[in-house]
Amino acid sequence: MVWRFWLTLFGLALVSINLYLTAAVYVDAKKRGLDQLNLPPGIWALVTFFFPLWGFFIYWLMHHSTLVVRDRPPF
């Protein structure tokens, strides 16, 4: 019986973390608008919801890492 409590607590923690990551990505993507890959914030949120760690990592790479080209030279 005790294992059910811990399993439920662990499951609730995972769901809470998943929802937090999804909300954080959505709010940040909405603030930035159509930035990288021209994907709307809802798509970024769905990707993060269904693939929590991968979606968050890819979003971070596309928007916040040092790999992002911030200032593009004019053509």
PDB file of N, CA and C in Angstrom:
ATOM      1  N   MET A   1       0.808  -1.198   0.000  1.00  0.00           N
ATOM      2  CA  MET A   1       0.000   0.000   0.000  1.00  0.00           C
ATOM      3  C   MET A   1       0.853   1.266   0.000  1.00  0.00           C
ATOM      4  N   VAL A   2       1.989   1.219   0.645  1.00  0.00           N
ATOM      5  CA  VAL A   2       2.842   2.394   0.705  1.00  0.00           C
ATOM      6  C   VAL A   2       3.412   2.708  -0.671  1.00  0.00           C
ATOM      7  N   TRP A   3       3.678   1.689  -1.465  1.00  0.00           N
ATOM      8  CA  TRP A   3       4.245   1.914  -2.799  1.00  0.00           C
ATOM      9  C   TRP A   3       3.281   2.679  -3.689  1.00  0.00           C
ATOM     10  N   ARG A   4       1.963   2.512  -3.482  1.00  0.00           N
ATOM     11  CA  ARG A   4       0.985   3.276  -4.271  1.00  0.00           C
ATOM     12  C   ARG A   4       1.080   4.767  -3.977  1.00  0.00           C
ATOM     13  N   PHE A   5       1.282   5.089  -2.717  1.00  0.00           N
ATOM     14  CA  PHE A   5       1.428   6.492  -2.336  1.00  0.00           C
ATOM     15  C   PHE A   5       2.630   7.112  -3.029  1.00  0.00           C
ATOM     16  N   TRP A   6       3.779   6.440  -2.965  1.00  0.00           N
ATOM     17  CA  TRP A   6       4.993   6.972  -3.577  1.00  0.00           C
ATOM     18  C   TRP A   6       4.893   7.005  -5.097  1.00  0.00           C
ATOM     19  N   LEU A   7       4.246   6.023  -5.684  1.00  0.00           N
ATOM     20  CA  LEU A   7       4.059   6.015  -7.132  1.00  0.00           C
ATOM     21  C   LEU A   7       3.137   7.155  -7.566  1.00  0.00           C
ATOM     22  N   THR A   8       2.084   7.387  -6.807  1.00  0.00           N
ATOM     23  CA  THR A   8       1.177   8.498  -7.095  1.00  0.00           C
ATOM     24  C   THR A   8       1.891   9.837  -6.924  1.00  0.00           C
ATOM     25  N   LEU A   9       2.674   9.965  -5.872  1.00  0.00           N
ATOM     26  CA  LEU A   9       3.419  11.190  -5.635  1.00  0.00           C
ATOM     27  C   LEU A   9       4.432  11.439  -6.762  1.00  0.00           C
ATOM     28  N   PHE A  10       5.109  10.393  -7.196  1.00  0.00           N
ATOM     29  CA  PHE A  10       6.065  10.501  -8.293  1.00  0.00           C
ATOM     30  C   PHE A  10       5.361  10.880  -9.595  1.00  0.00           C
ATOM     31  N   GLY A  11       4.216  10.265  -9.866  1.00  0.00           N
ATOM     32  CA  GLY A  11       3.441  10.584 -11.060  1.00  0.00           C
ATOM     33  C   GLY A  11       2.951  12.029 -11.056  1.00  0.00           C
ATOM     34  N   LEU A  12       2.471  12.494  -9.925  1.00  0.00           N
ATOM     35  CA  LEU A  12       2.027  13.886  -9.814  1.00  0.00           C
ATOM     36  C   LEU A  12       3.189  14.860 -10.005  1.00  0.00           C
ATOM     37  N   ALA A  13       4.362  14.502  -9.503  1.00  0.00           N
ATOM     38  CA  ALA A  13       5.540  15.350  -9.691  1.00  0.00           C
ATOM     39  C   ALA A  13       5.906  15.427 -11.172  1.00  0.00           C
ATOM     40  N   LEU A  14       5.866  14.304 -11.878  1.00  0.00           N
ATOM     41  CA  LEU A  14       6.185  14.303 -13.308  1.00  0.00           C
ATOM     42  C   LEU A  14       5.181  15.119 -14.111  1.00  0.00           C
ATOM     43  N   VAL A  15       3.916  14.976 -13.804  1.00  0.00           N
ATOM     44  CA  VAL A  15       2.879  15.739 -14.504  1.00  0.00           C
ATOM     45  C   VAL A  15       3.033  17.231 -14.212  1.00  0.00           C
ATOM     46  N   SER A  16       3.340  17.571 -12.974  1.00  0.00           N
ATOM     47  CA  SER A  16       3.525  18.979 -12.614  1.00  0.00           C
ATOM     48  C   SER A  16       4.717  19.590 -13.345  1.00  0.00           C
ATOM     49  N   ILE A  17       5.816  18.853 -13.404  1.00  0.00           N
ATOM     50  CA  ILE A  17       6.996  19.341 -14.121  1.00  0.00           C
ATOM     51  C   ILE A  17       6.688  19.490 -15.602  1.00  0.00           C
ATOM     52  N   ASN A  18       5.973  18.526 -16.168  1.00  0.00           N
ATOM     53  CA  ASN A  18       5.606  18.581 -17.577  1.00  0.00           C
ATOM     54  C   ASN A  18       4.746  19.812 -17.864  1.00  0.00           C
ATOM     55  N   LEU A  19       3.744  20.062 -17.046  1.00  0.00           N
ATOM     56  CA  LEU A  19       2.880  21.226 -17.247  1.00  0.00           C
ATOM     57  C   LEU A  19       3.638  22.536 -17.060  1.00  0.00           C
ATOM     58  N   TYR A  20       4.566  22.562 -16.101  1.00  0.00           N
ATOM     59  CA  TYR A  20       5.367  23.770 -15.889  1.00  0.00           C
ATOM     60  C   TYR A  20       6.253  24.060 -17.099  1.00  0.00           C
ATOM     61  N   LEU A  21       6.934  23.038 -17.624  1.00  0.00           N
ATOM     62  CA  LEU A  21       7.776  23.227 -18.804  1.00  0.00           C
ATOM     63  C   LEU A  21       6.952  23.685 -20.006  1.00  0.00           C
ATOM     64  N   THR A  22       5.777  23.075 -20.178  1.00  0.00           N
ATOM     65  CA  THR A  22       4.907  23.458 -21.285  1.00  0.00           C
ATOM     66  C   THR A  22       4.465  24.913 -21.155  1.00  0.00           C
ATOM     67  N   ALA A  23       4.055  25.314 -19.974  1.00  0.00           N
ATOM     68  CA  ALA A  23       3.616  26.694 -19.767  1.00  0.00           C
ATOM     69  C   ALA A  23       4.769  27.677 -19.946  1.00  0.00           C
ATOM     70  N   ALA A  24       5.953  27.321 -19.452  1.00  0.00           N
ATOM     71  CA  ALA A  24       7.109  28.213 -19.585  1.00  0.00           C
ATOM     72  C   ALA A  24       7.488  28.404 -21.047  1.00  0.00           C
ATOM     73  N   VAL A  25       7.486  27.329 -21.819  1.00  0.00           N
ATOM     74  CA  VAL A  25       7.823  27.421 -23.240  1.00  0.00           C
ATOM     75  C   VAL A  25       6.754  28.228 -23.970  1.00  0.00           C
ATOM     76  N   TYR A  26       5.497  28.004 -23.656  1.00  0.00           N
ATOM     77  CA  TYR A  26       4.418  28.737 -24.318  1.00  0.00           C
ATOM     78  C   TYR A  26       4.513  30.232 -24.048  1.00  0.00           C
ATOM     79  N   VAL A  27       4.720  30.611 -22.798  1.00  0.00           N
ATOM     80  CA  VAL A  27       4.794  32.033 -22.443  1.00  0.00           C
ATOM     81  C   VAL A  27       5.995  32.684 -23.120  1.00  0.00           C
ATOM     82  N   ASP A  28       7.136  32.005 -23.108  1.00  0.00           N
ATOM     83  CA  ASP A  28       8.327  32.575 -23.737  1.00  0.00           C
ATOM     84  C   ASP A  28       8.169  32.655 -25.249  1.00  0.00           C
ATOM     85  N   ALA A  29       7.593  31.627 -25.856  1.00  0.00           N
ATOM     86  CA  ALA A  29       7.392  31.641 -27.307  1.00  0.00           C
ATOM     87  C   ALA A  29       6.382  32.718 -27.706  1.00  0.00           C
ATOM     88  N   LYS A  30       5.368  32.931 -26.892  1.00  0.00           N
ATOM     89  CA  LYS A  30       4.383  33.972 -27.185  1.00  0.00           C
ATOM     90  C   LYS A  30       5.026  35.355 -27.082  1.00  0.00           C
ATOM     91  N   LYS A  31       5.930  35.518 -26.126  1.00  0.00           N
ATOM     92  CA  LYS A  31       6.633  36.789 -25.968  1.00  0.00           C
ATOM     93  C   LYS A  31       7.539  37.057 -27.174  1.00  0.00           C
ATOM     94  N   ARG A  32       8.151  36.019 -27.718  1.00  0.00           N
ATOM     95  CA  ARG A  32       9.067  36.174 -28.847  1.00  0.00           C
ATOM     96  C   ARG A  32       8.348  36.217 -30.192  1.00  0.00           C
ATOM     97  N   GLY A  33       7.152  35.697 -30.278  1.00  0.00           N
ATOM     98  CA  GLY A  33       6.425  35.655 -31.545  1.00  0.00           C
ATOM     99  C   GLY A  33       6.983  34.553 -32.443  1.00  0.00           C
ATOM    100  N   LEU A  34       6.785  34.688 -33.735  1.00  0.00           N
ATOM    101  CA  LEU A  34       7.315  33.713 -34.686  1.00  0.00           C
ATOM    102  C   LEU A  34       8.787  34.013 -34.897  1.00  0.00           C
ATOM    103  N   ASP A  35       9.625  33.281 -34.199  1.00  0.00           N
ATOM    104  CA  ASP A  35      11.040  33.586 -34.193  1.00  0.00           C
ATOM    105  C   ASP A  35      11.818  32.582 -35.022  1.00  0.00           C
ATOM    106  N   GLN A  36      12.146  31.476 -34.459  1.00  0.00           N
ATOM    107  CA  GLN A  36      12.906  30.440 -35.145  1.00  0.00           C
ATOM    108  C   GLN A  36      11.949  29.430 -35.768  1.00  0.00           C
ATOM    109  N   LEU A  37      12.257  29.005 -36.948  1.00  0.00           N
ATOM    110  CA  LEU A  37      11.482  28.005 -37.689  1.00  0.00           C
ATOM    111  C   LEU A  37      10.062  28.449 -38.001  1.00  0.00           C
ATOM    112  N   ASN A  38       9.709  29.687 -37.699  1.00  0.00           N
ATOM    113  CA  ASN A  38       8.359  30.229 -37.930  1.00  0.00           C
ATOM    114  C   ASN A  38       7.260  29.346 -37.361  1.00  0.00           C
ATOM    115  N   LEU A  39       7.497  28.808 -36.180  1.00  0.00           N
ATOM    116  CA  LEU A  39       6.492  27.995 -35.506  1.00  0.00           C
ATOM    117  C   LEU A  39       5.755  28.837 -34.482  1.00  0.00           C
ATOM    118  N   PRO A  40       4.430  28.751 -34.451  1.00  0.00           N
ATOM    119  CA  PRO A  40       3.667  29.516 -33.463  1.00  0.00           C
ATOM    120  C   PRO A  40       3.862  28.934 -32.055  1.00  0.00           C
ATOM    121  N   PRO A  41       3.566  29.732 -31.038  1.00  0.00           N
ATOM    122  CA  PRO A  41       3.755  29.281 -29.648  1.00  0.00           C
ATOM    123  C   PRO A  41       2.977  28.016 -29.300  1.00  0.00           C
ATOM    124  N   GLY A  42       1.799  27.831 -29.889  1.00  0.00           N
ATOM    125  CA  GLY A  42       1.011  26.631 -29.592  1.00  0.00           C
ATOM    126  C   GLY A  42       1.697  25.347 -30.036  1.00  0.00           C
ATOM    127  N   ILE A  43       2.383  25.394 -31.157  1.00  0.00           N
ATOM    128  CA  ILE A  43       3.112  24.212 -31.633  1.00  0.00           C
ATOM    129  C   ILE A  43       4.272  23.901 -30.700  1.00  0.00           C
ATOM    130  N   TRP A  44       5.011  24.953 -30.279  1.00  0.00           N
ATOM    131  CA  TRP A  44       6.093  24.726 -29.330  1.00  0.00           C
ATOM    132  C   TRP A  44       5.549  24.126 -28.031  1.00  0.00           C
ATOM    133  N   ALA A  45       4.386  24.593 -27.585  1.00  0.00           N
ATOM    134  CA  ALA A  45       3.793  24.058 -26.359  1.00  0.00           C
ATOM    135  C   ALA A  45       3.394  22.590 -26.535  1.00  0.00           C
ATOM    136  N   LEU A  46       2.809  22.253 -27.682  1.00  0.00           N
ATOM    137  CA  LEU A  46       2.431  20.857 -27.920  1.00  0.00           C
ATOM    138  C   LEU A  46       3.649  19.935 -27.986  1.00  0.00           C
ATOM    139  N   VAL A  47       4.684  20.394 -28.656  1.00  0.00           N
ATOM    140  CA  VAL A  47       5.910  19.580 -28.726  1.00  0.00           C
ATOM    141  C   VAL A  47       6.470  19.371 -27.326  1.00  0.00           C
ATOM    142  N   THR A  48       6.483  20.425 -26.525  1.00  0.00           N
ATOM    143  CA  THR A  48       7.006  20.300 -25.162  1.00  0.00           C
ATOM    144  C   THR A  48       6.102  19.440 -24.292  1.00  0.00           C
ATOM    145  N   PHE A  49       4.798  19.484 -24.518  1.00  0.00           N
ATOM    146  CA  PHE A  49       3.889  18.672 -23.711  1.00  0.00           C
ATOM    147  C   PHE A  49       4.053  17.179 -24.012  1.00  0.00           C
ATOM    148  N   PHE A  50       4.141  16.831 -25.302  1.00  0.00           N
ATOM    149  CA  PHE A  50       4.227  15.415 -25.660  1.00  0.00           C
ATOM    150  C   PHE A  50       5.629  14.840 -25.548  1.00  0.00           C
ATOM    151  N   PHE A  51       6.651  15.687 -25.669  1.00  0.00           N
ATOM    152  CA  PHE A  51       8.043  15.267 -25.522  1.00  0.00           C
ATOM    153  C   PHE A  51       8.726  16.243 -24.565  1.00  0.00           C
ATOM    154  N   PRO A  52       8.479  16.121 -23.257  1.00  0.00           N
ATOM    155  CA  PRO A  52       8.868  17.175 -22.316  1.00  0.00           C
ATOM    156  C   PRO A  52      10.350  17.554 -22.352  1.00  0.00           C
ATOM    157  N   LEU A  53      11.231  16.630 -22.139  1.00  0.00           N
ATOM    158  CA  LEU A  53      12.640  16.998 -22.081  1.00  0.00           C
ATOM    159  C   LEU A  53      13.199  17.346 -23.448  1.00  0.00           C
ATOM    160  N   TRP A  54      12.841  16.571 -24.464  1.00  0.00           N
ATOM    161  CA  TRP A  54      13.331  16.857 -25.817  1.00  0.00           C
ATOM    162  C   TRP A  54      12.766  18.173 -26.341  1.00  0.00           C
ATOM    163  N   GLY A  55      11.491  18.397 -26.142  1.00  0.00           N
ATOM    164  CA  GLY A  55      10.873  19.633 -26.616  1.00  0.00           C
ATOM    165  C   GLY A  55      11.471  20.856 -25.947  1.00  0.00           C
ATOM    166  N   PHE A  56      11.663  20.774 -24.634  1.00  0.00           N
ATOM    167  CA  PHE A  56      12.258  21.893 -23.910  1.00  0.00           C
ATOM    168  C   PHE A  56      13.700  22.119 -24.348  1.00  0.00           C
ATOM    169  N   PHE A  57      14.454  21.043 -24.533  1.00  0.00           N
ATOM    170  CA  PHE A  57      15.848  21.152 -24.948  1.00  0.00           C
ATOM    171  C   PHE A  57      15.962  21.754 -26.349  1.00  0.00           C
ATOM    172  N   ILE A  58      15.124  21.303 -27.266  1.00  0.00           N
ATOM    173  CA  ILE A  58      15.161  21.843 -28.629  1.00  0.00           C
ATOM    174  C   ILE A  58      14.759  23.318 -28.619  1.00  0.00           C
ATOM    175  N   TYR A  59      13.737  23.661 -27.848  1.00  0.00           N
ATOM    176  CA  TYR A  59      13.332  25.071 -27.752  1.00  0.00           C
ATOM    177  C   TYR A  59      14.471  25.911 -27.191  1.00  0.00           C
ATOM    178  N   TRP A  60      15.122  25.413 -26.153  1.00  0.00           N
ATOM    179  CA  TRP A  60      16.237  26.139 -25.565  1.00  0.00           C
ATOM    180  C   TRP A  60      17.368  26.316 -26.582  1.00  0.00           C
ATOM    181  N   LEU A  61      17.678  25.261 -27.325  1.00  0.00           N
ATOM    182  CA  LEU A  61      18.722  25.369 -28.347  1.00  0.00           C
ATOM    183  C   LEU A  61      18.364  26.411 -29.399  1.00  0.00           C
ATOM    184  N   MET A  62      17.112  26.437 -29.810  1.00  0.00           N
ATOM    185  CA  MET A  62      16.687  27.341 -30.876  1.00  0.00           C
ATOM    186  C   MET A  62      16.615  28.800 -30.422  1.00  0.00           C
ATOM    187  N   HIS A  63      16.398  29.051 -29.127  1.00  0.00           N
ATOM    188  CA  HIS A  63      16.117  30.413 -28.689  1.00  0.00           C
ATOM    189  C   HIS A  63      17.084  30.986 -27.664  1.00  0.00           C
ATOM    190  N   HIS A  64      17.711  30.172 -26.845  1.00  0.00           N
ATOM    191  CA  HIS A  64      18.470  30.718 -25.724  1.00  0.00           C
ATOM    192  C   HIS A  64      19.930  30.286 -25.669  1.00  0.00           C
ATOM    193  N   SER A  65      20.354  29.357 -26.482  1.00  0.00           N
ATOM    194  CA  SER A  65      21.738  28.898 -26.389  1.00  0.00           C
ATOM    195  C   SER A  65      22.664  29.845 -27.136  1.00  0.00           C
ATOM    196  N   THR A  66      23.945  29.584 -27.034  1.00  0.00           N
ATOM    197  CA  THR A  66      24.920  30.411 -27.744  1.00  0.00           C
ATOM    198  C   THR A  66      25.000  30.047 -29.219  1.00  0.00           C
ATOM    199  N   LEU A  67      24.257  29.043 -29.657  1.00  0.00           N
ATOM    200  CA  LEU A  67      24.232  28.659 -31.057  1.00  0.00           C
ATOM    201  C   LEU A  67      23.319  29.562 -31.885  1.00  0.00           C
ATOM    202  N   VAL A  68      22.503  30.363 -31.222  1.00  0.00           N
ATOM    203  CA  VAL A  68      21.553  31.231 -31.918  1.00  0.00           C
ATOM    204  C   VAL A  68      22.304  32.409 -32.529  1.00  0.00           C
ATOM    205  N   VAL A  69      22.015  32.679 -33.772  1.00  0.00           N
ATOM    206  CA  VAL A  69      22.573  33.856 -34.435  1.00  0.00           C
ATOM    207  C   VAL A  69      21.678  35.040 -34.082  1.00  0.00           C
ATOM    208  N   ARG A  70      22.178  35.943 -33.269  1.00  0.00           N
ATOM    209  CA  ARG A  70      21.358  37.058 -32.780  1.00  0.00           C
ATOM    210  C   ARG A  70      21.287  38.201 -33.793  1.00  0.00           C
ATOM    211  N   ASP A  71      22.402  38.596 -34.329  1.00  0.00           N
ATOM    212  CA  ASP A  71      22.449  39.713 -35.280  1.00  0.00           C
ATOM    213  C   ASP A  71      22.858  39.182 -36.635  1.00  0.00           C
ATOM    214  N   ARG A  72      21.932  39.213 -37.557  1.00  0.00           N
ATOM    215  CA  ARG A  72      22.232  38.748 -38.910  1.00  0.00           C
ATOM    216  C   ARG A  72      22.709  39.927 -39.736  1.00  0.00           C
ATOM    217  N   PRO A  73      23.784  39.733 -40.494  1.00  0.00           N
ATOM    218  CA  PRO A  73      24.245  40.830 -41.343  1.00  0.00           C
ATOM    219  C   PRO A  73      23.268  41.077 -42.478  1.00  0.00           C
ATOM    220  N   PRO A  74      23.110  42.325 -42.909  1.00  0.00           N
ATOM    221  CA  PRO A  74      22.196  42.611 -44.022  1.00  0.00           C
ATOM    222  C   PRO A  74      22.724  42.036 -45.324  1.00  0.00           C
ATOM    223  N   PHE A  75      21.844  41.677 -46.198  1.00  0.00           N
ATOM    224  CA  PHE A  75      22.241  41.084 -47.480  1.00  0.00           C
ATOM    225  C   PHE A  75      22.654  42.140 -48.460  1.00  0.00           C
TER     226      PHE A  75
END
